[in-house]
Protein backbone atom coordinates (compact mmCIF):
# COMPACT_ATOMS: atom_id res chain seq x y z
CA MET A 1 89.37 175.67 147.54
CA ALA A 2 90.06 179.66 147.68
CA ARG A 3 93.03 180.91 149.82
CA LEU A 4 95.24 184.20 150.04
CA VAL A 5 97.93 184.44 147.81
CA ARG A 6 100.99 186.70 148.18
CA PRO A 7 102.82 188.32 145.75
CA ALA A 8 99.21 187.72 143.36
CA GLY A 9 100.34 189.93 141.29
CA ARG A 10 102.76 187.59 139.03
CA LEU A 11 100.12 184.66 139.17
CA ALA A 12 97.94 183.42 136.56
CA PRO A 13 95.12 180.85 135.88
CA GLY A 14 96.67 178.05 135.07
CA GLU A 15 99.99 178.56 136.94
CA VAL A 16 101.36 175.20 138.83
CA VAL A 17 103.32 176.13 141.93
CA SER A 18 105.13 173.81 144.12
CA VAL A 19 104.42 174.12 148.03
CA GLU A 20 106.30 172.72 151.26
CA GLY A 21 109.11 171.53 148.60
CA GLY A 22 107.18 169.32 146.78
CA ALA A 23 105.02 168.04 149.04
CA LEU A 24 102.42 170.10 147.88
CA VAL A 25 101.23 171.27 144.08
CA ALA A 26 98.83 174.13 143.46
CA ARG A 27 97.15 174.62 139.96
CA PHE A 28 95.84 178.63 140.01
CA LEU A 29 92.46 177.75 138.48
CA GLU A 30 90.89 181.19 139.17
CA ARG A 31 91.09 184.75 141.16
CA GLU A 32 88.24 186.49 142.55
CA ALA A 33 86.84 189.75 140.42
CA PRO A 34 88.72 192.83 140.92
CA GLY A 35 85.51 194.30 142.42
CA ALA A 36 85.51 192.32 144.94
CA ASP A 37 88.67 192.03 146.45
CA ALA A 38 89.51 195.35 145.49
CA ASP A 39 88.89 196.22 149.36
CA ARG A 40 91.24 193.56 150.92
CA GLY A 41 94.40 193.96 150.02
CA SER A 42 95.27 190.75 149.16
CA PRO A 43 94.03 188.91 145.83
CA VAL A 44 92.05 185.76 146.35
CA TRP A 45 92.65 182.69 144.14
CA THR A 46 90.67 179.47 143.77
CA LEU A 47 93.04 176.75 143.59
CA GLU A 48 93.57 172.85 143.21
CA LEU A 49 95.81 171.43 145.37
CA HIS A 50 97.04 167.67 145.14
CA ASP A 51 99.84 165.41 146.46
CA PRO A 52 102.04 163.88 143.62
CA GLU A 53 102.51 160.71 146.12
CA LEU A 54 99.40 160.20 147.50
CA PRO A 55 97.06 160.95 144.42
CA GLY A 56 92.73 161.05 145.15
CA ARG A 57 93.25 162.89 149.38
CA SER A 58 90.40 165.29 149.64
CA VAL A 59 91.93 169.01 150.03
CA GLU A 60 90.81 168.26 154.11
CA GLU A 61 93.48 165.64 154.13
CA LEU A 62 96.55 167.28 152.11
CA LEU A 63 95.49 170.54 154.57
CA ASP A 64 95.88 168.48 157.65
CA ALA A 65 99.14 166.91 156.28
CA HIS A 66 101.05 169.14 154.97
CA GLY A 67 99.80 172.57 156.36
CA HIS A 68 100.58 175.26 159.03
CA PRO A 69 98.55 176.62 161.83
CA PRO A 70 97.07 180.32 160.19
CA LEU A 71 98.92 182.16 162.40
CA PRO A 72 99.25 185.67 162.63
CA PRO A 73 101.48 187.53 160.96
CA TYR A 74 103.00 188.98 164.31
CA ILE A 75 103.73 185.84 166.24
CA ARG A 76 107.18 185.44 164.94
CA ARG A 77 109.26 182.67 166.09
CA ALA A 78 113.26 181.91 166.33
CA ARG A 79 115.80 183.37 163.53
CA GLY A 80 116.87 180.35 161.95
CA GLY A 81 114.03 177.64 163.86
CA ASP A 82 110.61 176.92 162.71
CA PRO A 83 108.43 179.27 161.48
CA ARG A 84 105.78 178.23 163.33
CA GLU A 85 106.29 175.54 165.95
CA PRO A 86 104.16 172.17 166.47
CA GLU A 87 103.01 173.60 169.81
CA ASP A 88 100.86 175.64 167.51
CA ARG A 89 98.69 172.78 165.93
CA GLU A 90 97.49 172.96 169.76
CA ARG A 91 97.96 176.14 171.40
CA TYR A 92 96.11 178.64 168.21
CA GLN A 93 93.08 176.36 169.00
CA THR A 94 90.25 176.41 171.09
CA VAL A 95 89.64 173.70 173.22
CA TYR A 96 85.98 173.05 172.63
CA ALA A 97 86.60 173.84 168.96
CA ARG A 98 84.92 170.52 166.71
CA LYS A 99 83.98 171.57 163.12
CA PRO A 100 86.53 172.59 160.24
CA GLY A 101 86.06 176.01 158.56
CA ALA A 102 87.92 178.77 159.59
CA VAL A 103 90.85 180.66 158.63
CA ALA A 104 91.80 181.45 161.80
CA ALA A 105 90.95 180.86 165.76
CA PRO A 106 88.46 182.91 167.35
CA THR A 107 91.34 184.64 169.68
CA ALA A 108 89.45 185.15 173.11
CA GLY A 109 88.56 181.41 173.34
CA LEU A 110 92.59 181.14 173.49
CA HIS A 111 91.80 181.69 177.24
CA PHE A 112 90.03 178.48 178.70
CA THR A 113 91.07 174.97 179.33
CA GLU A 114 88.97 172.23 180.28
CA GLU A 115 90.19 172.88 183.63
CA LEU A 116 88.48 176.88 183.73
CA PHE A 117 85.24 174.72 181.99
CA ARG A 118 85.19 172.24 185.39
CA THR A 119 86.18 175.22 188.26
CA LEU A 120 83.20 177.02 186.22
CA ALA A 121 80.71 174.47 186.57
CA ALA A 122 81.30 173.91 189.44
CA ARG A 123 80.53 177.09 190.54
CA GLY A 124 76.69 177.03 188.55
CA VAL A 125 77.85 178.37 185.23
CA GLU A 126 77.32 176.66 182.10
CA HIS A 127 78.48 176.65 179.26
CA THR A 128 77.58 175.74 175.16
CA SER A 129 79.03 176.45 171.84
CA LEU A 130 78.11 176.85 168.81
CA THR A 131 80.12 177.68 165.01
CA LEU A 132 80.90 180.68 163.50
CA HIS A 133 83.57 179.83 160.40
CA VAL A 134 86.13 183.39 161.41
CA GLY A 135 86.32 184.69 157.13
CA LEU A 136 88.56 186.44 155.43
CA GLY A 137 86.92 189.22 155.58
CA THR A 138 88.11 189.43 159.48
CA PHE A 139 91.38 191.03 158.21
CA GLN A 140 89.48 193.72 155.66
CA PRO A 141 90.36 196.63 157.24
CA VAL A 142 87.38 199.75 157.76
CA THR A 143 88.89 202.22 155.19
CA VAL A 144 86.00 204.86 155.23
CA GLU A 145 84.69 207.19 157.53
CA ASP A 146 81.17 206.18 157.32
CA THR A 147 81.20 202.50 158.90
CA ASP A 148 77.55 202.08 156.63
CA GLU A 149 79.52 202.09 153.25
CA HIS A 150 81.91 198.97 154.45
CA ARG A 151 80.91 196.03 152.42
CA MET A 152 81.31 193.22 155.70
CA HIS A 153 81.69 189.74 154.07
CA ALA A 154 79.69 186.64 154.71
CA GLU A 155 80.40 183.90 157.12
CA TRP A 156 78.85 181.13 158.00
CA PHE A 157 77.65 180.50 161.03
CA GLU A 158 75.22 177.94 162.93
CA VAL A 159 73.27 178.46 166.33
CA GLY A 160 71.43 175.48 167.81
CA ALA A 161 68.60 174.27 169.48
CA GLU A 162 70.90 173.54 172.94
CA ASN A 163 72.05 177.18 172.19
CA VAL A 164 68.60 178.75 172.49
CA LEU A 165 67.95 176.09 175.27
CA ALA A 166 70.99 177.06 177.53
CA VAL A 167 70.48 180.88 176.51
CA GLU A 168 66.57 180.93 177.94
CA ARG A 169 67.46 178.68 181.39
CA ALA A 170 70.19 181.42 182.17
CA ARG A 171 66.86 183.81 181.85
CA ALA A 172 65.48 181.81 183.47
CA ARG A 173 67.22 181.56 185.77
CA GLY A 174 68.31 185.22 186.20
CA GLY A 175 71.82 185.10 184.85
CA LYS A 176 73.17 186.75 182.09
CA VAL A 177 74.67 184.99 178.93
CA VAL A 178 78.34 186.39 178.76
CA ALA A 179 79.78 185.79 174.60
CA VAL A 180 83.24 184.52 174.44
CA GLY A 181 85.19 186.77 171.87
CA THR A 182 83.22 188.98 169.03
CA THR A 183 82.63 185.76 166.70
CA CYS A 184 80.34 184.96 169.05
CA VAL A 185 78.00 187.51 169.72
CA ARG A 186 78.00 188.29 165.45
CA ALA A 187 76.07 184.57 165.88
CA LEU A 188 73.96 185.36 167.99
CA GLU A 189 73.75 188.75 166.81
CA SER A 190 72.10 186.87 163.49
CA ALA A 191 70.41 183.87 164.85
CA VAL A 192 67.46 186.53 165.99
CA ASP A 193 64.02 186.36 164.07
CA GLY A 194 61.62 189.32 163.82
CA SER A 195 60.73 189.95 167.40
CA GLY A 196 63.99 189.87 168.69
CA ALA A 197 63.90 185.84 170.19
CA LEU A 198 67.54 183.42 169.91
CA VAL A 199 66.04 181.02 167.21
CA ALA A 200 67.65 177.86 166.02
CA ARG A 201 69.64 179.09 162.33
CA SER A 202 72.50 178.11 160.15
CA GLY A 203 73.60 180.07 157.47
CA SER A 204 75.85 183.17 156.24
CA THR A 205 76.00 186.12 157.71
CA SER A 206 77.24 189.70 156.15
CA LEU A 207 76.03 191.58 159.59
CA PHE A 208 78.02 194.34 160.39
CA LEU A 209 77.34 195.29 164.31
CA ARG A 210 78.33 198.81 164.89
CA PRO A 211 77.12 201.59 167.44
CA GLY A 212 74.09 201.92 167.60
CA HIS A 213 72.83 198.13 166.99
CA ARG A 214 70.24 197.27 169.71
CA PHE A 215 71.39 193.78 171.04
CA ARG A 216 69.43 191.10 172.01
CA THR A 217 71.05 187.66 173.45
CA VAL A 218 74.13 188.95 174.97
CA ASP A 219 74.47 190.65 178.35
CA ALA A 220 78.29 190.42 178.79
CA LEU A 221 81.41 189.80 176.58
CA LEU A 222 85.04 188.56 176.92
CA THR A 223 87.27 189.83 174.06
CA ASN A 224 90.17 190.40 173.19
CA PHE A 225 92.11 193.61 172.44
CA HIS A 226 91.85 195.05 168.22
CA LEU A 227 93.36 196.27 165.54
CA PRO A 228 92.61 199.97 164.50
CA ARG A 229 89.60 200.51 161.89
CA SER A 230 88.22 196.55 162.25
CA THR A 231 85.15 195.81 162.54
CA LEU A 232 85.67 193.81 165.43
CA LEU A 233 86.97 197.16 167.07
CA VAL A 234 83.48 198.43 165.99
CA LEU A 235 81.33 195.22 167.14
CA VAL A 236 83.21 196.40 170.59
CA SER A 237 82.41 199.95 170.55
CA ALA A 238 78.82 199.14 169.42
CA PHE A 239 78.63 197.10 171.96
CA ALA A 240 80.40 198.66 174.69
CA GLY A 241 80.14 201.93 174.06
CA ARG A 242 83.00 204.50 171.51
CA GLU A 243 84.40 206.67 174.57
CA ARG A 244 84.00 203.79 177.02
CA VAL A 245 86.63 201.40 174.55
CA LEU A 246 88.82 204.35 174.61
CA ALA A 247 89.10 204.36 177.42
CA LEU A 248 89.44 201.05 178.08
CA TYR A 249 92.66 200.59 174.95
CA ALA A 250 94.48 203.99 176.95
CA GLU A 251 94.55 202.29 180.37
CA ALA A 252 95.55 198.80 178.57
CA ILE A 253 98.56 200.76 176.30
CA GLU A 254 99.91 202.84 179.92
CA ARG A 255 99.57 199.65 181.79
CA GLY A 256 101.86 197.05 178.98
CA TYR A 257 99.18 194.91 178.20
CA ARG A 258 99.80 192.24 175.44
CA PHE A 259 97.24 192.98 172.89
CA TYR A 260 96.21 189.98 169.92
CA SER A 261 95.53 186.88 169.58
CA TYR A 262 97.78 185.12 172.68
CA GLY A 263 97.69 188.99 174.71
CA ASP A 264 95.55 190.05 177.54
CA ALA A 265 91.89 190.51 177.21
CA MET A 266 89.05 191.91 178.30
CA LEU A 267 85.09 191.43 180.72
CA ILE A 268 82.93 193.97 179.14
CA LEU A 269 80.18 194.12 181.40
CA PRO A 270 76.87 196.10 181.68
């Protein structure tokens, strides 16, 4: 498994550290080559985990037993309290999440509940779920002036036949395809074939959606507000237009909107 580690400069291959008060033991095996993580800020290590009390457990079992939800650093808890409340395991997760693999929640989906989906269904709005595992590259800022020079990290995605059929049904009845989150947009655009048609596809994508891209599958976008110089903000600008997005953000700041994971969202229509 690979994880971000701070302060990574003090670690060396073969070093062993205790995690969670000794409940876990982590052995650092290999650090990613400097050239691969130079722009990321925090080096990535491949490490080995085991529980001294329960040997033989898989990494997934260990993380489920001892891990905390990967809350962003700007979410802070009361001083002296648990930095990650038990409720976060439920709250920092979409109601439609099924497959483990992402390093963070796709935050636009946090606005949805089962009750809201039932309300939408009663109004004839169909929904379908696809997979894109949010990766470490999501947190890599754009540090170059020319976005063509930014190296996008790959993320694993899966667009199934049921997703393709749902889009085709929407098109057939004259409906619109509304993507919930930038991860959804990236997965859908990565599953477009040479003719521009959406097809069932899975694999790794390093697609960087930036101004000039012709969107083939999405008519509207529900998304949270994003950090400056992030690839997610670039994607939103590519979809809605840079000047329009700047105006939207200016209004959000003026009106005191709440930003980031548990904050407000915006629906961008054509």
